[in-house]
Each structure stands twice: as C-alpha cells, then as structure tokens.
Amino acid sequence: MKSGEMRRLTAEELETAEVLLRGSFPHSVMVYGHVFVMNRVKSVRTNVFVDCWPDFKILFVQPVREEPSDSFNDCAVYTKDEEIFKNFLMETEIIDWHNYFCLGSDLHHEETLNAAAVAKGVKEMKRLSACYMLTLRDPAHLQQVDSSTLVLSPLNESHVAIVNRTWKFGQDEHSVKFIRDMIRHFPTCCVLDGGQPVAWVLTYANGALGMLYTLPEHRGKGYAKVLISTLSRQLHAQGHPVFCFIERENKLSYRIFKGLGFTEEPSYTVAWFGFNSV
C-alpha cells in the first residue's frame, strides 16, 4: 500500500480490530469504543481506516457526513508510531482539510497535528478540550448507592429538548438530531420526578459516558452517583467498556467518578481539536 493510502475495514475485519485494540489499552480506548459500538449498533454510519492490515500502525475513525448535524460526530485516531502518523497526515486523502472537523486523539499529538494543519493551509486549529480518562474495570469496585426511592428509566425522544437545552454545546436543530440519535441508539439513564427527567447520563458513539447533568433545583441529592452506578453496571453486564472523559477543569465530575471507584489513567490524556470553524 502506498504511503498515505488507507484501507477501510470490512464488517468482519472490524470484529478482529476490536480484539486487537484491547491489547493497547488505555491509549486505544477511544477508537476501541467506536469499533465496539459499530459492531453492535449497525445504524452507526462510520468508516474505520488503517494503514495496513492486520499489523496496523494507525487506525482512523471517520463518521460519514451527509447533513449539518453530522458535524457533531467526531473523528478519532490511534497510532503506534509518530513518524508514520506525520506521513499519514501529510499524504492521506481521506481528511478534508478545508471544512470543519473535530478530531479526538492523545494530547501528545498536538504538535504533530498543528504542523500538519499549517502545512495544509487550515484557517484555524484549536484545542477544544483536554480530558482525564477514567475507567471502571470491575463493577464490584463501585461504591454502593441506594436508589430504592427513585424512579429510574432510559431517556426517550420526548426528552431530547431538555437535554439539548442544558448541554453546553446544544444549539439548534442540528444538536437536537445529534442528541436524538444518541437516545435512540445508545444506552441512557435518567431520574424521573413527576414523569419528567430531572437528572440524566448518556453514552456517546465512542462508548464513553457523558452529558451527565442534574437540574439545579435537584442537586445535592446524589442523583449523579445513582445514574453513573446504574448505567455502569448495565454497560458492564452487556460487555461494554465502562469509561468517561472528564475535562481537566471539571473538578466536581472528577471527584464523583473517582469516589464511585473509577480509576484515572495517568499515562493518557485525550484531547479534541477543531479544524476550521463550524
């Protein structure tokens, strides 16, 4: 295969990739989560590319973009070789450097990505966030949380508006569709009060827990801990990896997850980079 040329994995190869990526935790967790979900949720429209097979040095996850709401679906990359990664960025044709995209990667790739963006004439590259990665390896380590007095339920499509309204990236009909697809296809959990959600947690297309939120008037009741514990046990029982990415400045969420028994992966900081403006 020529330098910079990438091969798209077939459905059968994706099943093998899931097994191979397990051996490179924690650094492969983000792309592993994408592949894990794709192997089980067939409605996910995403391509996975490798530089060679099966001994790949780069695995690149790229959602299919057909409508404006697809801009919320991030790309992700895992690489074992920085020099090969540099060559990939300079020579590949699968990245559209002229339009907006967001890429999740190990933070230490920032300098390499910035150099590629400059060389490709990208108008703007910005680090959008840098996050700790926390994992739950064994649900037996979860702190016991009493939920006996609460009404717990998955979110449904009638709840899209309130989730979008409280999400910091919630905007318009495009983010509404993004959230609706998450609720339709991926595991969620919420606390109901009077039949309406007052706290919730979702999972992203990469399998990570996210969008954890409690309405201000219901805070201080331990709902976040109940939701994380409940959904984590559910995911683990179904064979899902259980992990989350927490922005460095979000000390409260960090304390909650750590207090419940999640473990930080100190050798891995994930970052998201935006290229060009939305």
Protein backbone atom coordinates (compact mmCIF):
# COMPACT_ATOMS: atom_id res chain seq x y z
CA MET A 1 0.00 0.00 0.00
CA LYS A 2 1.34 3.43 -0.94
CA SER A 3 2.41 5.89 1.74
CA GLY A 4 -0.64 7.80 2.99
CA GLU A 5 -3.07 5.33 1.40
CA MET A 6 -5.57 3.87 3.85
CA ARG A 7 -7.72 0.78 3.78
CA ARG A 8 -11.34 0.78 5.00
CA LEU A 9 -12.10 -2.14 7.27
CA THR A 10 -14.92 -4.55 6.44
CA ALA A 11 -17.52 -5.68 8.96
CA GLU A 12 -15.58 -8.89 9.54
CA GLU A 13 -12.30 -7.01 10.00
CA LEU A 14 -13.94 -4.66 12.49
CA GLU A 15 -14.65 -7.66 14.74
CA THR A 16 -10.97 -8.60 14.58
CA ALA A 17 -9.93 -4.99 15.19
CA GLU A 18 -11.98 -4.95 18.39
CA VAL A 19 -9.91 -7.85 19.71
CA LEU A 20 -6.58 -6.35 18.58
CA LEU A 21 -7.29 -2.94 20.12
CA ARG A 22 -7.90 -4.46 23.55
CA GLY A 23 -4.19 -5.16 23.78
CA SER A 24 -3.32 -1.46 23.58
CA PHE A 25 -5.41 -0.05 26.44
CA PRO A 26 -5.58 2.65 27.66
CA HIS A 27 -4.31 4.54 24.60
CA SER A 28 -6.63 2.74 22.18
CA VAL A 29 -9.78 3.06 24.30
CA MET A 30 -11.37 5.88 22.30
CA VAL A 31 -11.13 4.12 18.94
CA TYR A 32 -11.89 0.79 20.59
CA GLY A 33 -15.13 2.25 21.89
CA HIS A 34 -16.12 3.36 18.39
CA VAL A 35 -15.38 -0.08 16.95
CA PHE A 36 -17.16 -1.83 19.83
CA VAL A 37 -20.31 0.21 19.24
CA MET A 38 -20.15 -0.21 15.45
CA ASN A 39 -20.01 -3.98 15.86
CA ARG A 40 -23.29 -3.91 17.79
CA VAL A 41 -25.25 -0.90 16.51
CA LYS A 42 -25.48 -1.35 12.77
CA SER A 43 -27.18 2.02 12.23
CA VAL A 44 -23.93 3.84 13.09
CA ARG A 45 -22.59 5.43 9.91
CA THR A 46 -18.85 5.45 10.41
CA ASN A 47 -15.80 4.29 8.46
CA VAL A 48 -12.66 2.89 10.04
CA PHE A 49 -9.38 3.10 8.12
CA VAL A 50 -5.99 1.51 8.75
CA ASP A 51 -2.61 1.93 7.08
CA CYS A 52 -2.17 -1.84 6.78
CA TRP A 53 -3.92 -4.99 7.96
CA PRO A 54 -3.79 -6.63 10.40
CA ASP A 55 -0.50 -5.14 11.66
CA PHE A 56 -1.71 -1.55 11.52
CA LYS A 57 0.21 1.38 12.97
CA ILE A 58 -2.66 3.86 12.51
CA LEU A 59 -6.39 3.39 12.95
CA PHE A 60 -8.57 6.34 11.95
CA VAL A 61 -12.30 6.60 12.75
CA GLN A 62 -14.26 8.88 10.45
CA PRO A 63 -18.04 9.36 10.71
CA VAL A 64 -19.95 9.69 7.46
CA ARG A 65 -21.09 13.28 6.97
CA GLU A 66 -24.19 13.81 4.91
CA GLU A 67 -26.04 16.58 6.77
CA PRO A 68 -25.18 19.51 9.09
CA SER A 69 -25.93 17.60 12.31
CA ASP A 70 -23.16 15.15 11.41
CA SER A 71 -20.61 17.84 12.35
CA PHE A 72 -21.12 16.80 15.99
CA ASN A 73 -19.74 13.35 15.20
CA ASP A 74 -16.01 13.45 15.92
CA CYS A 75 -13.18 11.68 14.17
CA ALA A 76 -10.71 9.74 16.31
CA VAL A 77 -7.22 8.39 15.79
CA TYR A 78 -4.96 5.85 17.45
CA THR A 79 -1.37 5.46 16.33
CA LYS A 80 1.59 3.42 17.47
CA ASP A 81 4.21 5.40 15.53
CA GLU A 82 4.52 9.20 15.49
CA GLU A 83 6.58 9.32 12.28
CA ILE A 84 4.07 7.19 10.40
CA PHE A 85 1.33 9.40 11.81
CA LYS A 86 3.08 12.52 10.45
CA ASN A 87 3.33 10.96 7.00
CA PHE A 88 -0.32 9.92 7.15
CA LEU A 89 -1.45 13.47 7.93
CA MET A 90 0.59 14.94 5.10
CA GLU A 91 -0.26 12.39 2.43
CA THR A 92 -3.69 10.91 3.15
CA GLU A 93 -6.66 11.88 1.01
CA ILE A 94 -9.36 10.81 3.47
CA ILE A 95 -9.14 14.04 5.51
CA ASP A 96 -10.87 17.13 4.13
CA TRP A 97 -8.64 19.91 5.45
CA HIS A 98 -10.84 22.68 4.01
CA ASN A 99 -14.00 22.07 6.04
CA TYR A 100 -14.71 21.81 9.74
CA PHE A 101 -13.96 18.59 11.57
CA CYS A 102 -13.16 17.65 15.13
CA LEU A 103 -10.54 15.05 15.99
CA GLY A 104 -10.03 13.18 19.25
CA SER A 105 -6.52 11.94 19.95
CA ASP A 106 -3.82 11.58 22.57
CA LEU A 107 -2.83 15.06 23.74
CA HIS A 108 0.83 14.46 22.91
CA HIS A 109 -0.06 14.51 19.19
CA GLU A 110 -0.90 18.23 19.38
CA GLU A 111 2.40 19.46 17.94
CA THR A 112 2.22 16.98 15.05
CA LEU A 113 -1.37 17.96 14.29
CA ASN A 114 -0.56 21.66 14.42
CA ALA A 115 2.32 21.24 11.97
CA ALA A 116 0.08 19.32 9.57
CA ALA A 117 -2.65 21.97 9.85
CA VAL A 118 -0.18 24.73 8.97
CA ALA A 119 1.18 22.76 6.03
CA LYS A 120 -2.34 22.07 4.75
CA GLY A 121 -3.40 25.72 4.97
CA VAL A 122 -6.01 25.17 7.66
CA LYS A 123 -7.54 28.51 8.65
CA GLU A 124 -7.65 27.65 12.34
CA MET A 125 -6.78 24.73 14.59
CA LYS A 126 -7.90 24.95 18.19
CA ARG A 127 -7.63 22.62 21.14
CA LEU A 128 -11.23 22.40 22.27
CA SER A 129 -10.68 20.40 25.43
CA ALA A 130 -8.22 18.20 27.27
CA CYS A 131 -9.61 15.44 29.45
CA TYR A 132 -8.70 12.89 32.04
CA MET A 133 -9.76 9.37 31.15
CA LEU A 134 -11.33 7.35 33.94
CA THR A 135 -12.24 3.68 33.64
CA LEU A 136 -14.21 1.18 35.66
CA ARG A 137 -12.52 -2.17 35.31
CA ASP A 138 -14.71 -4.09 37.73
CA PRO A 139 -18.24 -3.07 38.84
CA ALA A 140 -17.51 -4.76 42.17
CA HIS A 141 -15.37 -1.68 42.87
CA LEU A 142 -18.38 0.62 42.53
CA GLN A 143 -19.43 2.37 45.69
CA GLN A 144 -22.85 1.14 46.81
CA VAL A 145 -25.55 3.73 46.12
CA ASP A 146 -29.15 3.45 47.34
CA SER A 147 -31.64 4.10 44.53
CA SER A 148 -34.62 2.34 46.12
CA THR A 149 -36.68 5.53 46.44
CA LEU A 150 -36.00 6.80 42.92
CA VAL A 151 -37.74 6.19 39.60
CA LEU A 152 -35.06 5.31 37.04
CA SER A 153 -35.66 4.98 33.32
CA PRO A 154 -33.91 5.25 29.96
CA LEU A 155 -34.38 8.59 28.23
CA ASN A 156 -36.81 8.69 25.32
CA GLU A 157 -37.28 11.01 22.39
CA SER A 158 -39.69 13.26 24.30
CA HIS A 159 -36.70 14.23 26.48
CA VAL A 160 -34.49 15.48 23.64
CA ALA A 161 -35.37 19.15 24.10
CA ILE A 162 -34.42 19.37 27.79
CA VAL A 163 -31.13 17.54 27.22
CA ASN A 164 -30.30 19.84 24.31
CA ARG A 165 -31.24 22.95 26.28
CA THR A 166 -28.90 22.07 29.15
CA TRP A 167 -25.98 20.67 27.11
CA LYS A 168 -23.21 23.26 26.78
CA PHE A 169 -22.90 22.52 23.05
CA GLY A 170 -26.65 22.49 22.48
CA GLN A 171 -27.56 24.90 19.71
CA ASP A 172 -30.35 24.28 17.23
CA GLU A 173 -31.99 21.54 15.22
CA HIS A 174 -28.57 20.08 14.39
CA SER A 175 -27.66 19.36 18.01
CA VAL A 176 -31.24 18.18 18.56
CA LYS A 177 -30.79 15.49 15.91
CA PHE A 178 -27.42 14.51 17.38
CA ILE A 179 -28.95 14.02 20.84
CA ARG A 180 -31.99 12.25 19.42
CA ASP A 181 -29.73 9.74 17.69
CA MET A 182 -27.84 9.16 20.94
CA ILE A 183 -31.05 8.46 22.82
CA ARG A 184 -32.33 6.19 20.05
CA HIS A 185 -29.23 4.07 19.63
CA PHE A 186 -27.07 4.15 22.78
CA PRO A 187 -27.69 3.36 26.48
CA THR A 188 -29.02 6.14 28.72
CA CYS A 189 -30.41 6.52 32.22
CA CYS A 190 -32.40 9.24 33.96
CA VAL A 191 -34.12 10.03 37.26
CA LEU A 192 -37.81 10.83 36.81
CA ASP A 193 -39.78 13.17 39.05
CA GLY A 194 -43.43 13.65 38.18
CA GLY A 195 -42.80 11.71 34.99
CA GLN A 196 -40.14 14.15 33.78
CA PRO A 197 -36.33 13.71 33.81
CA VAL A 198 -34.52 15.79 36.41
CA ALA A 199 -31.09 14.17 36.02
CA TRP A 200 -29.53 12.04 33.28
CA VAL A 201 -26.48 10.47 31.72
CA LEU A 202 -25.94 9.31 28.13
CA THR A 203 -23.32 7.41 26.16
CA TYR A 204 -21.55 8.70 23.07
CA ALA A 205 -20.82 6.90 19.80
CA ASN A 206 -17.38 6.05 21.20
CA GLY A 207 -18.99 4.30 24.17
CA ALA A 208 -17.98 6.89 26.76
CA LEU A 209 -20.37 8.04 29.47
CA GLY A 210 -21.26 11.69 29.02
CA MET A 211 -23.72 14.60 29.18
CA LEU A 212 -24.14 13.95 32.90
CA TYR A 213 -26.49 16.64 34.21
CA THR A 214 -28.82 17.38 37.12
CA LEU A 215 -31.29 20.25 37.06
CA PRO A 216 -30.15 22.94 39.55
CA GLU A 217 -33.18 22.55 41.83
CA HIS A 218 -32.47 18.82 42.25
CA ARG A 219 -28.76 18.98 43.00
CA GLY A 220 -27.27 17.73 46.25
CA LYS A 221 -29.47 14.62 46.30
CA GLY A 222 -26.89 12.15 44.97
CA TYR A 223 -28.63 11.63 41.62
CA ALA A 224 -25.38 11.77 39.61
CA LYS A 225 -23.89 8.93 41.65
CA VAL A 226 -27.02 6.82 41.19
CA LEU A 227 -27.04 7.38 37.43
CA ILE A 228 -23.34 6.61 36.95
CA SER A 229 -23.55 3.49 39.09
CA THR A 230 -26.73 2.21 37.42
CA LEU A 231 -25.62 2.76 33.84
CA SER A 232 -22.10 1.48 34.54
CA ARG A 233 -23.46 -1.82 35.86
CA GLN A 234 -25.78 -2.09 32.87
CA LEU A 235 -22.97 -1.45 30.39
CA HIS A 236 -20.60 -3.87 32.10
CA ALA A 237 -23.27 -6.61 32.13
CA GLN A 238 -23.63 -6.17 28.35
CA GLY A 239 -19.87 -6.43 27.81
CA HIS A 240 -19.33 -2.72 27.15
CA PRO A 241 -16.15 -0.98 28.24
CA VAL A 242 -17.04 1.48 31.01
CA PHE A 243 -15.13 4.75 30.83
CA CYS A 244 -15.52 8.50 30.61
CA PHE A 245 -13.56 11.59 29.60
CA ILE A 246 -13.66 14.47 32.07
CA GLU A 247 -12.39 17.94 31.23
CA ARG A 248 -9.49 18.96 33.42
CA GLU A 249 -11.36 21.94 34.85
CA ASN A 250 -14.42 19.85 35.81
CA LYS A 251 -13.28 19.03 39.34
CA LEU A 252 -16.76 18.10 40.57
CA SER A 253 -17.34 15.34 37.99
CA TYR A 254 -13.80 14.11 38.55
CA ARG A 255 -14.45 13.73 42.28
CA ILE A 256 -17.78 11.98 41.69
CA PHE A 257 -16.36 9.36 39.31
CA LYS A 258 -13.25 8.79 41.41
CA GLY A 259 -15.37 8.49 44.55
CA LEU A 260 -17.51 5.83 42.90
CA GLY A 261 -14.50 3.65 42.09
CA PHE A 262 -13.36 4.80 38.65
CA THR A 263 -9.60 4.84 38.09
CA GLU A 264 -7.68 7.57 36.29
CA GLU A 265 -5.30 6.50 33.52
CA PRO A 266 -2.36 8.85 34.24
CA SER A 267 -0.41 7.92 31.09
CA TYR A 268 -3.19 9.04 28.77
CA THR A 269 -4.77 12.46 28.32
CA VAL A 270 -7.26 12.73 25.50
CA ALA A 271 -7.84 15.99 23.65
CA TRP A 272 -10.23 17.18 20.99
CA PHE A 273 -9.02 19.51 18.27
CA GLY A 274 -11.21 21.58 15.98
CA PHE A 275 -10.03 22.36 12.45
CA ASN A 276 -11.55 25.38 10.68
CA SER A 277 -14.67 26.92 12.16
CA VAL A 278 -18.11 25.32 12.23
